[in-house]
Amino acid sequence: MKKSLSLEEKEKLETIYYSYLNNPLIDRMKDVSMHRGSNCYIHSFLVAKLAIKRALRRKKELDLETILVASILHDYYLYDWRSDRSLLKHHGSKHPYIAVDNAKMDFDISDKVASLIMSHMWPINFKCFPKTTEARIVCNADTWIAFKEFLCSKVYKAKRVQKRQSMISELF
């Protein structure tokens, strides 16, 4: 069963989505490479779209705004972990802490959003179990998008980045 949103709810989510999509602070994520030619910016907005889509399939009432913001900011760590050997070993378990610190510095995020960001790398970061349905949705959406990005061939990198850029231009 798919939950339907009122026009007001849909507009509110779209306003939040576009405010991050067009934010110069978030634009810095474009310079952080991700899995096989993707960048942090595109990855995060694809995770947000998938997380919202999955949340709307649930019968349970969920905090869609928290899911949306946490999905966008879950990888807001803003460094290239591949270029520094000291970061390489612990990136998977440490970057959620850095993302939360950066998000708190640059945006007014709630404790619930911070909690979802902290738990998005479970089970790699086994200390932060995703305790809520919202946290599990963000964690699973991130894993699924990362898996899809990792499986893509590097040969089609430029074409894929352009396609994904157009995919994130709208939330719904």
N, C-alpha and C. Protein backbone atom coordinates (compact mmCIF):
# COMPACT_ATOMS: atom_id res chain seq x y z
N MET A 1 0.85 -1.18 0.00
CA MET A 1 0.00 0.00 0.00
C MET A 1 0.89 1.24 0.00
N LYS A 2 0.62 2.15 -0.87
CA LYS A 2 1.40 3.37 -0.96
C LYS A 2 0.67 4.52 -0.28
N LYS A 3 1.38 5.21 0.57
CA LYS A 3 0.80 6.37 1.25
C LYS A 3 0.73 7.52 0.27
N SER A 4 -0.40 8.18 0.22
CA SER A 4 -0.50 9.34 -0.65
C SER A 4 -0.30 10.61 0.20
N LEU A 5 0.39 11.54 -0.39
CA LEU A 5 0.66 12.80 0.28
C LEU A 5 -0.35 13.84 -0.14
N SER A 6 -0.68 14.71 0.78
CA SER A 6 -1.51 15.85 0.41
C SER A 6 -0.64 16.80 -0.40
N LEU A 7 -1.26 17.70 -1.12
CA LEU A 7 -0.52 18.68 -1.91
C LEU A 7 0.40 19.50 -1.02
N GLU A 8 -0.07 19.85 0.17
CA GLU A 8 0.71 20.63 1.12
C GLU A 8 1.95 19.86 1.58
N GLU A 9 1.79 18.57 1.89
CA GLU A 9 2.92 17.74 2.33
C GLU A 9 3.95 17.58 1.20
N LYS A 10 3.44 17.37 0.01
CA LYS A 10 4.32 17.20 -1.15
C LYS A 10 5.12 18.48 -1.41
N GLU A 11 4.44 19.62 -1.35
CA GLU A 11 5.11 20.90 -1.57
C GLU A 11 6.16 21.18 -0.50
N LYS A 12 5.86 20.80 0.76
CA LYS A 12 6.80 21.01 1.85
C LYS A 12 8.07 20.19 1.62
N LEU A 13 7.91 18.92 1.25
CA LEU A 13 9.07 18.07 0.97
C LEU A 13 9.87 18.58 -0.23
N GLU A 14 9.17 19.01 -1.26
CA GLU A 14 9.86 19.54 -2.44
C GLU A 14 10.63 20.82 -2.10
N THR A 15 10.06 21.66 -1.25
CA THR A 15 10.74 22.89 -0.83
C THR A 15 12.04 22.56 -0.10
N ILE A 16 11.97 21.59 0.80
CA ILE A 16 13.17 21.16 1.53
C ILE A 16 14.20 20.60 0.55
N TYR A 17 13.75 19.71 -0.34
CA TYR A 17 14.63 19.07 -1.31
C TYR A 17 15.34 20.10 -2.17
N TYR A 18 14.58 21.04 -2.73
CA TYR A 18 15.17 22.05 -3.62
C TYR A 18 16.07 23.03 -2.87
N SER A 19 15.76 23.28 -1.58
CA SER A 19 16.62 24.18 -0.82
C SER A 19 18.02 23.58 -0.63
N TYR A 20 18.10 22.26 -0.51
CA TYR A 20 19.40 21.59 -0.43
C TYR A 20 20.01 21.43 -1.82
N LEU A 21 19.21 21.09 -2.79
CA LEU A 21 19.69 20.87 -4.16
C LEU A 21 20.38 22.12 -4.71
N ASN A 22 19.88 23.28 -4.34
CA ASN A 22 20.41 24.55 -4.86
C ASN A 22 21.25 25.31 -3.84
N ASN A 23 21.77 24.62 -2.85
CA ASN A 23 22.53 25.27 -1.78
C ASN A 23 24.03 25.24 -2.11
N PRO A 24 24.72 26.38 -2.07
CA PRO A 24 26.16 26.40 -2.38
C PRO A 24 27.00 25.56 -1.42
N LEU A 25 26.56 25.40 -0.18
CA LEU A 25 27.29 24.54 0.76
C LEU A 25 27.20 23.08 0.32
N ILE A 26 26.05 22.68 -0.14
CA ILE A 26 25.86 21.31 -0.62
C ILE A 26 26.61 21.09 -1.93
N ASP A 27 26.75 22.14 -2.73
CA ASP A 27 27.49 22.03 -4.00
C ASP A 27 28.92 21.52 -3.79
N ARG A 28 29.48 21.73 -2.60
CA ARG A 28 30.83 21.24 -2.32
C ARG A 28 30.91 19.71 -2.41
N MET A 29 29.78 19.05 -2.26
CA MET A 29 29.74 17.59 -2.34
C MET A 29 30.01 17.10 -3.77
N LYS A 30 29.87 17.99 -4.75
CA LYS A 30 30.15 17.62 -6.14
C LYS A 30 31.63 17.31 -6.35
N ASP A 31 32.49 17.86 -5.51
CA ASP A 31 33.93 17.66 -5.63
C ASP A 31 34.43 16.41 -4.91
N VAL A 32 33.53 15.71 -4.22
CA VAL A 32 33.92 14.51 -3.48
C VAL A 32 33.49 13.30 -4.29
N SER A 33 34.48 12.54 -4.77
CA SER A 33 34.14 11.39 -5.60
C SER A 33 33.59 10.25 -4.74
N MET A 34 32.75 9.46 -5.37
CA MET A 34 32.13 8.32 -4.68
C MET A 34 32.46 7.05 -5.44
N HIS A 35 31.49 6.19 -5.55
CA HIS A 35 31.65 4.88 -6.15
C HIS A 35 31.66 4.96 -7.68
N ARG A 36 32.72 4.51 -8.28
CA ARG A 36 32.83 4.35 -9.73
C ARG A 36 32.35 5.54 -10.55
N GLY A 37 32.86 6.69 -10.26
CA GLY A 37 32.56 7.84 -11.08
C GLY A 37 31.42 8.70 -10.62
N SER A 38 30.69 8.27 -9.62
CA SER A 38 29.63 9.11 -9.07
C SER A 38 30.30 10.13 -8.15
N ASN A 39 29.55 11.13 -7.75
CA ASN A 39 30.06 12.04 -6.73
C ASN A 39 29.10 12.06 -5.55
N CYS A 40 29.54 12.62 -4.48
CA CYS A 40 28.78 12.62 -3.23
C CYS A 40 27.43 13.34 -3.39
N TYR A 41 27.42 14.39 -4.18
CA TYR A 41 26.21 15.18 -4.42
C TYR A 41 25.12 14.32 -5.08
N ILE A 42 25.46 13.73 -6.21
CA ILE A 42 24.49 12.90 -6.93
C ILE A 42 24.08 11.71 -6.09
N HIS A 43 25.05 11.05 -5.48
CA HIS A 43 24.78 9.90 -4.63
C HIS A 43 23.76 10.24 -3.53
N SER A 44 23.99 11.34 -2.85
CA SER A 44 23.12 11.71 -1.72
C SER A 44 21.69 12.02 -2.16
N PHE A 45 21.55 12.70 -3.29
CA PHE A 45 20.19 13.01 -3.76
C PHE A 45 19.48 11.77 -4.31
N LEU A 46 20.23 10.83 -4.88
CA LEU A 46 19.62 9.56 -5.29
C LEU A 46 19.16 8.77 -4.07
N VAL A 47 19.96 8.78 -3.02
CA VAL A 47 19.58 8.12 -1.76
C VAL A 47 18.32 8.77 -1.20
N ALA A 48 18.25 10.10 -1.24
CA ALA A 48 17.07 10.81 -0.73
C ALA A 48 15.81 10.42 -1.50
N LYS A 49 15.92 10.39 -2.82
CA LYS A 49 14.75 10.03 -3.64
C LYS A 49 14.29 8.60 -3.34
N LEU A 50 15.24 7.67 -3.25
CA LEU A 50 14.88 6.28 -2.97
C LEU A 50 14.32 6.13 -1.56
N ALA A 51 14.91 6.80 -0.60
CA ALA A 51 14.42 6.71 0.78
C ALA A 51 12.99 7.23 0.90
N ILE A 52 12.68 8.33 0.26
CA ILE A 52 11.32 8.86 0.28
C ILE A 52 10.35 7.89 -0.41
N LYS A 53 10.78 7.37 -1.53
CA LYS A 53 9.94 6.40 -2.27
C LYS A 53 9.63 5.18 -1.38
N ARG A 54 10.64 4.68 -0.71
CA ARG A 54 10.44 3.51 0.17
C ARG A 54 9.60 3.87 1.40
N ALA A 55 9.80 5.05 1.93
CA ALA A 55 9.03 5.48 3.10
C ALA A 55 7.54 5.60 2.77
N LEU A 56 7.26 6.05 1.56
CA LEU A 56 5.86 6.23 1.16
C LEU A 56 5.15 4.89 0.94
N ARG A 57 5.90 3.82 0.79
CA ARG A 57 5.31 2.49 0.64
C ARG A 57 4.85 1.90 1.97
N ARG A 58 5.32 2.46 3.06
CA ARG A 58 5.01 1.95 4.39
C ARG A 58 3.62 2.40 4.84
N LYS A 59 2.97 1.53 5.57
CA LYS A 59 1.67 1.88 6.14
C LYS A 59 1.85 2.77 7.37
N LYS A 60 2.96 2.58 8.04
CA LYS A 60 3.26 3.32 9.26
C LYS A 60 3.54 4.78 8.95
N GLU A 61 3.11 5.66 9.86
CA GLU A 61 3.42 7.08 9.74
C GLU A 61 4.90 7.29 10.04
N LEU A 62 5.59 7.91 9.10
CA LEU A 62 7.01 8.15 9.26
C LEU A 62 7.31 9.64 9.15
N ASP A 63 8.43 10.03 9.70
CA ASP A 63 8.87 11.42 9.63
C ASP A 63 9.62 11.63 8.31
N LEU A 64 8.88 11.99 7.28
CA LEU A 64 9.44 12.12 5.94
C LEU A 64 10.47 13.24 5.83
N GLU A 65 10.25 14.32 6.56
CA GLU A 65 11.21 15.44 6.52
C GLU A 65 12.56 15.01 7.09
N THR A 66 12.54 14.26 8.18
CA THR A 66 13.78 13.77 8.78
C THR A 66 14.48 12.81 7.84
N ILE A 67 13.74 11.92 7.22
CA ILE A 67 14.31 10.98 6.25
C ILE A 67 14.96 11.74 5.11
N LEU A 68 14.28 12.74 4.60
CA LEU A 68 14.78 13.51 3.47
C LEU A 68 16.08 14.25 3.82
N VAL A 69 16.08 14.97 4.91
CA VAL A 69 17.26 15.75 5.29
C VAL A 69 18.43 14.82 5.63
N ALA A 70 18.18 13.76 6.39
CA ALA A 70 19.26 12.83 6.75
C ALA A 70 19.83 12.15 5.52
N SER A 71 18.99 11.83 4.56
CA SER A 71 19.45 11.19 3.33
C SER A 71 20.36 12.11 2.54
N ILE A 72 20.02 13.36 2.48
CA ILE A 72 20.83 14.33 1.74
C ILE A 72 22.16 14.57 2.44
N LEU A 73 22.14 14.63 3.76
CA LEU A 73 23.35 14.98 4.52
C LEU A 73 24.14 13.78 5.04
N HIS A 74 23.71 12.57 4.73
CA HIS A 74 24.36 11.39 5.32
C HIS A 74 25.84 11.26 4.96
N ASP A 75 26.28 11.78 3.82
CA ASP A 75 27.68 11.73 3.42
C ASP A 75 28.28 13.14 3.31
N TYR A 76 27.89 14.01 4.18
CA TYR A 76 28.36 15.39 4.16
C TYR A 76 29.70 15.52 4.89
N TYR A 77 30.65 14.67 4.53
CA TYR A 77 31.96 14.67 5.19
C TYR A 77 32.99 15.55 4.49
N LEU A 78 32.81 15.81 3.18
CA LEU A 78 33.54 16.82 2.42
C LEU A 78 35.06 16.62 2.31
N TYR A 79 35.51 15.40 2.22
CA TYR A 79 36.93 15.15 1.96
C TYR A 79 37.05 13.94 1.05
N ASP A 80 38.18 13.83 0.38
CA ASP A 80 38.42 12.68 -0.49
C ASP A 80 39.25 11.68 0.30
N TRP A 81 38.61 10.65 0.81
CA TRP A 81 39.27 9.67 1.66
C TRP A 81 40.26 8.81 0.88
N ARG A 82 40.17 8.80 -0.44
CA ARG A 82 41.09 7.99 -1.24
C ARG A 82 42.48 8.64 -1.34
N SER A 83 42.57 9.93 -1.11
CA SER A 83 43.85 10.63 -1.28
C SER A 83 44.70 10.66 -0.01
N ASP A 84 44.15 10.27 1.12
CA ASP A 84 44.89 10.28 2.39
C ASP A 84 44.85 8.88 3.00
N ARG A 85 46.00 8.23 3.07
CA ARG A 85 46.07 6.85 3.58
C ARG A 85 45.55 6.73 5.02
N SER A 86 45.72 7.76 5.82
CA SER A 86 45.27 7.69 7.21
C SER A 86 43.73 7.64 7.30
N LEU A 87 43.06 8.18 6.31
CA LEU A 87 41.59 8.16 6.28
C LEU A 87 41.05 6.88 5.66
N LEU A 88 41.82 6.28 4.80
CA LEU A 88 41.38 5.11 4.03
C LEU A 88 40.90 3.96 4.91
N LYS A 89 41.65 3.65 5.95
CA LYS A 89 41.35 2.49 6.79
C LYS A 89 40.04 2.62 7.57
N HIS A 90 39.75 3.81 8.05
CA HIS A 90 38.60 3.99 8.95
C HIS A 90 37.47 4.83 8.36
N HIS A 91 37.53 5.11 7.08
CA HIS A 91 36.51 5.98 6.48
C HIS A 91 35.09 5.46 6.72
N GLY A 92 34.87 4.18 6.50
CA GLY A 92 33.52 3.63 6.64
C GLY A 92 32.91 3.83 8.01
N SER A 93 33.72 3.72 9.04
CA SER A 93 33.19 3.85 10.40
C SER A 93 33.27 5.28 10.94
N LYS A 94 34.15 6.10 10.40
CA LYS A 94 34.35 7.46 10.94
C LYS A 94 33.57 8.55 10.22
N HIS A 95 33.29 8.38 8.92
CA HIS A 95 32.69 9.49 8.19
C HIS A 95 31.30 9.89 8.67
N PRO A 96 30.48 9.00 9.26
CA PRO A 96 29.20 9.49 9.79
C PRO A 96 29.38 10.54 10.89
N TYR A 97 30.40 10.39 11.74
CA TYR A 97 30.66 11.36 12.79
C TYR A 97 31.06 12.72 12.19
N ILE A 98 31.90 12.66 11.17
CA ILE A 98 32.34 13.88 10.51
C ILE A 98 31.18 14.54 9.77
N ALA A 99 30.35 13.73 9.12
CA ALA A 99 29.17 14.26 8.42
C ALA A 99 28.22 14.96 9.38
N VAL A 100 28.01 14.37 10.54
CA VAL A 100 27.14 15.00 11.55
C VAL A 100 27.73 16.32 12.03
N ASP A 101 29.03 16.32 12.32
CA ASP A 101 29.68 17.56 12.77
C ASP A 101 29.57 18.66 11.71
N ASN A 102 29.83 18.31 10.45
CA ASN A 102 29.72 19.29 9.36
C ASN A 102 28.29 19.77 9.19
N ALA A 103 27.34 18.85 9.26
CA ALA A 103 25.93 19.22 9.10
C ALA A 103 25.46 20.14 10.23
N LYS A 104 25.91 19.87 11.44
CA LYS A 104 25.54 20.72 12.58
C LYS A 104 26.15 22.12 12.43
N MET A 105 27.35 22.17 11.86
CA MET A 105 28.02 23.45 11.68
C MET A 105 27.33 24.30 10.60
N ASP A 106 26.92 23.65 9.51
CA ASP A 106 26.41 24.39 8.36
C ASP A 106 24.89 24.47 8.28
N PHE A 107 24.17 23.59 8.97
CA PHE A 107 22.71 23.55 8.89
C PHE A 107 22.14 23.34 10.29
N ASP A 108 20.91 23.70 10.45
CA ASP A 108 20.23 23.53 11.74
C ASP A 108 19.55 22.16 11.72
N ILE A 109 20.29 21.10 12.05
CA ILE A 109 19.70 19.76 12.01
C ILE A 109 19.25 19.32 13.40
N SER A 110 18.23 18.51 13.42
CA SER A 110 17.71 17.99 14.68
C SER A 110 18.55 16.81 15.17
N ASP A 111 18.33 16.43 16.42
CA ASP A 111 19.01 15.26 16.97
C ASP A 111 18.59 13.99 16.23
N LYS A 112 17.34 13.97 15.78
CA LYS A 112 16.84 12.79 15.05
C LYS A 112 17.55 12.66 13.70
N VAL A 113 17.75 13.77 13.01
CA VAL A 113 18.49 13.74 11.74
C VAL A 113 19.92 13.28 12.00
N ALA A 114 20.55 13.81 13.04
CA ALA A 114 21.91 13.41 13.39
C ALA A 114 21.98 11.91 13.68
N SER A 115 20.98 11.39 14.37
CA SER A 115 20.94 9.96 14.68
C SER A 115 20.85 9.11 13.42
N LEU A 116 20.05 9.54 12.46
CA LEU A 116 19.93 8.81 11.20
C LEU A 116 21.24 8.85 10.41
N ILE A 117 21.90 9.99 10.40
CA ILE A 117 23.19 10.09 9.72
C ILE A 117 24.20 9.17 10.40
N MET A 118 24.23 9.15 11.71
CA MET A 118 25.18 8.33 12.46
C MET A 118 25.00 6.84 12.17
N SER A 119 23.78 6.40 11.95
CA SER A 119 23.52 4.97 11.80
C SER A 119 23.49 4.50 10.35
N HIS A 120 23.75 5.37 9.39
CA HIS A 120 23.60 4.96 7.99
C HIS A 120 24.67 3.97 7.53
N MET A 121 25.75 3.81 8.27
CA MET A 121 26.82 2.88 7.88
C MET A 121 26.79 1.56 8.64
N TRP A 122 25.68 1.28 9.29
CA TRP A 122 25.57 0.00 9.98
C TRP A 122 25.51 -1.10 8.93
N PRO A 123 26.16 -2.23 9.07
CA PRO A 123 26.90 -2.76 10.21
C PRO A 123 28.39 -2.43 10.22
N ILE A 124 28.91 -1.68 9.23
CA ILE A 124 30.33 -1.32 9.26
C ILE A 124 30.62 -0.54 10.53
N ASN A 125 29.76 0.41 10.85
CA ASN A 125 29.86 1.15 12.10
C ASN A 125 28.89 0.47 13.08
N PHE A 126 29.33 -0.63 13.66
CA PHE A 126 28.43 -1.47 14.46
C PHE A 126 27.95 -0.82 15.74
N LYS A 127 28.59 0.27 16.17
CA LYS A 127 28.19 0.95 17.40
C LYS A 127 26.87 1.72 17.23
N CYS A 128 26.54 2.07 15.99
CA CYS A 128 25.34 2.89 15.74
C CYS A 128 24.32 2.09 14.95
N PHE A 129 23.53 1.32 15.66
CA PHE A 129 22.50 0.50 15.05
C PHE A 129 21.31 1.39 14.65
N PRO A 130 20.76 1.21 13.45
CA PRO A 130 19.58 2.01 13.05
C PRO A 130 18.33 1.53 13.80
N LYS A 131 17.99 2.24 14.86
CA LYS A 131 16.93 1.80 15.79
C LYS A 131 15.52 2.08 15.30
N THR A 132 15.35 3.06 14.44
CA THR A 132 14.01 3.42 13.99
C THR A 132 13.79 2.98 12.55
N THR A 133 12.53 2.94 12.15
CA THR A 133 12.20 2.60 10.77
C THR A 133 12.82 3.63 9.83
N GLU A 134 12.78 4.89 10.21
CA GLU A 134 13.38 5.94 9.39
C GLU A 134 14.87 5.69 9.18
N ALA A 135 15.57 5.32 10.24
CA ALA A 135 17.01 5.06 10.16
C ALA A 135 17.30 3.85 9.27
N ARG A 136 16.49 2.82 9.37
CA ARG A 136 16.68 1.63 8.52
C ARG A 136 16.42 1.97 7.06
N ILE A 137 15.46 2.81 6.79
CA ILE A 137 15.17 3.21 5.41
C ILE A 137 16.36 3.96 4.81
N VAL A 138 16.93 4.92 5.55
CA VAL A 138 18.09 5.68 5.06
C VAL A 138 19.28 4.74 4.86
N CYS A 139 19.54 3.88 5.82
CA CYS A 139 20.65 2.94 5.75
C CYS A 139 20.50 2.02 4.53
N ASN A 140 19.32 1.47 4.34
CA ASN A 140 19.08 0.56 3.21
C ASN A 140 19.12 1.27 1.87
N ALA A 141 18.59 2.48 1.79
CA ALA A 141 18.62 3.24 0.54
C ALA A 141 20.07 3.58 0.17
N ASP A 142 20.87 3.97 1.16
CA ASP A 142 22.28 4.26 0.91
C ASP A 142 23.01 3.02 0.41
N THR A 143 22.78 1.89 1.04
CA THR A 143 23.43 0.64 0.64
C THR A 143 23.03 0.26 -0.79
N TRP A 144 21.76 0.40 -1.12
CA TRP A 144 21.28 0.03 -2.44
C TRP A 144 21.88 0.94 -3.53
N ILE A 145 21.88 2.24 -3.31
CA ILE A 145 22.43 3.17 -4.30
C ILE A 145 23.94 2.94 -4.45
N ALA A 146 24.65 2.75 -3.34
CA ALA A 146 26.09 2.49 -3.40
C ALA A 146 26.37 1.20 -4.17
N PHE A 147 25.57 0.19 -3.94
CA PHE A 147 25.72 -1.09 -4.64
C PHE A 147 25.52 -0.91 -6.14
N LYS A 148 24.49 -0.17 -6.52
CA LYS A 148 24.23 0.08 -7.94
C LYS A 148 25.37 0.88 -8.58
N GLU A 149 25.86 1.88 -7.85
CA GLU A 149 26.97 2.69 -8.37
C GLU A 149 28.24 1.85 -8.52
N PHE A 150 28.49 0.99 -7.56
CA PHE A 150 29.69 0.17 -7.59
C PHE A 150 29.67 -0.82 -8.75
N LEU A 151 28.50 -1.32 -9.09
CA LEU A 151 28.39 -2.30 -10.16
C LEU A 151 28.50 -1.69 -11.56
N CYS A 152 28.29 -0.39 -11.66
CA CYS A 152 28.34 0.26 -12.97
C CYS A 152 29.76 0.30 -13.50
N SER A 153 29.87 0.15 -14.79
CA SER A 153 31.17 0.18 -15.46
C SER A 153 31.70 1.61 -15.52
N LYS A 154 33.00 1.77 -15.42
CA LYS A 154 33.64 3.07 -15.53
C LYS A 154 33.57 3.60 -16.96
N VAL A 155 33.34 2.72 -17.92
CA VAL A 155 33.31 3.10 -19.33
C VAL A 155 32.24 4.15 -19.60
N TYR A 156 31.11 4.03 -18.94
CA TYR A 156 29.98 4.92 -19.19
C TYR A 156 29.89 6.04 -18.15
N LYS A 157 30.99 6.34 -17.51
CA LYS A 157 31.01 7.32 -16.42
C LYS A 157 30.38 8.66 -16.79
N ALA A 158 30.85 9.30 -17.84
CA ALA A 158 30.35 10.64 -18.20
C ALA A 158 28.87 10.61 -18.53
N LYS A 159 28.46 9.62 -19.29
CA LYS A 159 27.05 9.50 -19.67
C LYS A 159 26.19 9.25 -18.44
N ARG A 160 26.68 8.41 -17.52
CA ARG A 160 25.93 8.07 -16.32
C ARG A 160 25.79 9.28 -15.40
N VAL A 161 26.86 10.05 -15.23
CA VAL A 161 26.81 11.24 -14.37
C VAL A 161 25.79 12.23 -14.92
N GLN A 162 25.80 12.42 -16.23
CA GLN A 162 24.83 13.34 -16.84
C GLN A 162 23.40 12.84 -16.64
N LYS A 163 23.18 11.53 -16.81
CA LYS A 163 21.84 10.96 -16.62
C LYS A 163 21.40 11.11 -15.17
N ARG A 164 22.30 10.81 -14.24
CA ARG A 164 21.94 10.89 -12.82
C ARG A 164 21.72 12.33 -12.39
N GLN A 165 22.46 13.24 -12.97
CA GLN A 165 22.24 14.66 -12.67
C GLN A 165 20.81 15.06 -13.04
N SER A 166 20.32 14.58 -14.18
CA SER A 166 18.95 14.89 -14.57
C SER A 166 17.94 14.15 -13.70
N MET A 167 18.32 12.97 -13.18
CA MET A 167 17.42 12.20 -12.33
C MET A 167 17.13 12.90 -11.01
N ILE A 168 18.09 13.65 -10.52
CA ILE A 168 17.90 14.29 -9.21
C ILE A 168 17.25 15.66 -9.30
N SER A 169 16.95 16.11 -10.51
CA SER A 169 16.38 17.45 -10.65
C SER A 169 14.99 17.59 -10.04
N GLU A 170 14.31 16.47 -9.81
CA GLU A 170 12.98 16.49 -9.19
C GLU A 170 12.89 15.43 -8.12
N LEU A 171 12.18 15.71 -7.04
CA LEU A 171 12.00 14.73 -5.98
C LEU A 171 10.97 13.69 -6.37
N PHE A 172 9.84 14.12 -6.89
CA PHE A 172 8.77 13.18 -7.24
C PHE A 172 8.65 13.02 -8.74
